[in-house]
Protein backbone atom coordinates (compact mmCIF):
# COMPACT_ATOMS: atom_id res chain seq x y z
CA MET A 1 -88.02 -6.31 1.48
CA THR A 2 -85.84 -3.34 0.90
CA SER A 3 -84.48 -2.36 -2.43
CA VAL A 4 -80.15 -2.03 -2.73
CA GLY A 5 -80.04 1.72 -4.48
CA SER A 6 -77.32 3.82 -5.20
CA VAL A 7 -74.60 4.46 -2.13
CA LEU A 8 -74.17 7.98 -3.85
CA LYS A 9 -75.91 10.73 -3.90
CA PRO A 10 -77.04 11.67 -7.64
CA GLU A 11 -74.66 14.97 -8.24
CA ASN A 12 -72.00 12.45 -6.73
CA SER A 13 -73.26 9.89 -9.11
CA MET A 14 -72.33 11.93 -11.84
CA ILE A 15 -69.13 13.56 -10.94
CA ALA A 16 -67.65 9.34 -9.95
CA GLY A 17 -69.05 8.70 -13.45
CA LEU A 18 -66.94 11.33 -15.72
CA ALA A 19 -63.65 10.08 -12.86
CA VAL A 20 -64.76 6.48 -14.11
CA VAL A 21 -64.62 8.29 -18.07
CA GLY A 22 -60.90 9.15 -17.13
CA LEU A 23 -59.49 5.87 -15.72
CA VAL A 24 -61.41 4.15 -18.81
CA ILE A 25 -59.72 7.08 -20.90
CA ALA A 26 -56.09 6.77 -18.96
CA ASN A 27 -56.18 2.99 -19.70
CA TYR A 28 -56.70 3.06 -22.55
CA ASN A 29 -53.65 5.29 -23.51
CA LEU A 30 -51.38 2.72 -20.51
CA HIS A 31 -51.92 0.10 -23.08
CA ASN A 32 -51.47 1.75 -26.31
CA GLY A 33 -50.16 4.90 -26.45
CA SER A 34 -51.64 7.45 -28.63
CA VAL A 35 -54.08 7.38 -31.27
CA SER A 36 -52.40 9.04 -34.01
CA SER A 37 -48.94 6.93 -32.86
CA ASN A 38 -51.30 4.04 -33.19
CA ALA A 39 -52.54 5.32 -36.75
CA LEU A 40 -49.42 6.11 -38.16
CA SER A 41 -48.09 2.01 -37.69
CA PRO A 42 -48.09 -0.42 -40.80
CA ALA A 43 -52.47 -1.55 -41.20
CA GLU A 44 -52.62 -4.95 -38.79
CA ASN A 45 -56.11 -6.07 -39.51
CA GLY A 46 -56.96 -8.10 -36.95
CA ALA A 47 -53.45 -10.15 -36.78
CA GLY A 48 -51.34 -7.83 -34.67
CA ASN A 49 -50.06 -6.02 -31.60
CA LEU A 50 -52.31 -3.44 -31.93
CA THR A 51 -54.78 -5.30 -32.19
CA THR A 52 -54.05 -7.33 -29.37
CA THR A 53 -53.25 -4.44 -26.49
CA ASN A 54 -56.75 -2.56 -27.63
CA LYS A 55 -57.90 -5.80 -26.81
CA LYS A 56 -56.08 -6.41 -22.50
CA ALA A 57 -57.28 -2.93 -22.68
CA GLY A 58 -60.83 -3.43 -23.40
CA TRP A 59 -61.13 -6.07 -20.98
CA THR A 60 -59.72 -4.21 -18.15
CA SER A 61 -61.71 -1.40 -19.01
CA ILE A 62 -64.12 -3.37 -18.60
CA VAL A 63 -64.13 -5.75 -15.41
CA MET A 64 -62.58 -1.89 -13.60
CA VAL A 65 -66.19 0.07 -14.94
CA ALA A 66 -67.86 -2.55 -13.01
CA GLY A 67 -66.53 -3.34 -10.75
CA VAL A 68 -66.56 -0.28 -9.52
CA SER A 69 -70.05 0.58 -10.48
CA LEU A 70 -70.38 -3.11 -8.23
CA LEU A 71 -68.87 -1.32 -6.06
CA ALA A 72 -70.51 1.89 -6.01
CA LYS A 73 -74.14 -0.28 -6.07
CA ASP A 74 -74.52 3.00 -9.41
CA ALA A 75 -75.83 2.23 -13.22
CA ASN A 76 -74.78 6.05 -13.89
CA ILE A 77 -70.95 5.07 -13.23
CA PHE A 78 -71.60 1.69 -15.53
CA ILE A 79 -73.74 3.45 -17.80
CA LEU A 80 -71.41 6.20 -18.86
CA GLY A 81 -68.62 4.13 -18.20
CA MET A 82 -69.54 1.31 -20.09
CA ALA A 83 -70.26 4.03 -23.08
CA ALA A 84 -66.73 5.99 -22.55
CA VAL A 85 -65.07 1.80 -23.25
CA ILE A 86 -67.14 1.67 -26.90
CA ALA A 87 -65.78 5.01 -27.65
CA MET A 88 -62.07 4.23 -26.71
CA HIS A 89 -62.29 0.69 -28.70
CA SER A 90 -64.28 2.09 -31.00
CA SER A 91 -61.18 4.98 -32.15
CA TYR A 92 -58.06 3.25 -31.52
CA LEU A 93 -60.03 0.11 -33.67
CA HIS A 94 -60.22 2.41 -37.16
CA SER A 95 -56.64 3.61 -35.87
CA ILE A 96 -55.19 0.51 -36.18
CA ALA A 97 -57.66 -0.72 -39.75
CA VAL A 98 -55.95 2.64 -41.71
CA SER A 99 -53.07 2.38 -43.71
CA PRO A 100 -50.89 5.35 -43.59
CA GLN A 101 -49.52 5.29 -47.60
CA LEU A 102 -53.42 4.78 -48.39
CA ASN A 103 -55.02 7.51 -45.31
CA LYS A 104 -58.34 5.10 -45.69
CA ILE A 105 -58.68 1.45 -44.39
CA VAL A 106 -57.59 -1.57 -46.23
CA SER A 107 -59.06 -4.54 -46.78
CA GLY A 108 -55.53 -7.40 -46.41
CA PRO A 109 -51.76 -7.27 -46.32
CA GLU A 110 -51.35 -7.21 -49.49
CA ALA A 111 -53.27 -3.45 -50.88
CA ALA A 112 -51.19 -2.10 -47.63
CA GLY A 113 -48.04 -2.88 -49.21
CA ALA A 114 -47.56 -5.16 -46.72
CA TYR A 115 -44.73 -7.34 -47.47
CA LEU A 116 -45.62 -11.12 -49.01
CA PRO A 117 -43.48 -13.76 -49.39
CA ALA A 118 -43.50 -15.28 -53.17
CA ALA A 119 -45.91 -18.11 -53.15
CA ALA A 120 -43.60 -21.19 -53.95
């Protein structure tokens, strides 16, 4: 049985991995905008547009990293790319969850100072 090895040499594998990290960062910035602009928006608690675009950026980044690493048959690309996805996703989740008025993570819309209709 023949072993399936990487198409790339070790030094080129690291360069390709760093290029995939750049693609992940560009994908998150394309879908979500900058982290600071997300941090200045009102906190959402998992149901708003920022949360939806963050999930979309995460899934497209995972598919992109998996595709490139499968084409290159290289685990280094996969490891570096998925580490970038985890770092970017957690960074954006944190910036979405922080209330700019309170400057801390809030647990509900009433804690964030959002408008709540009166009880009937």
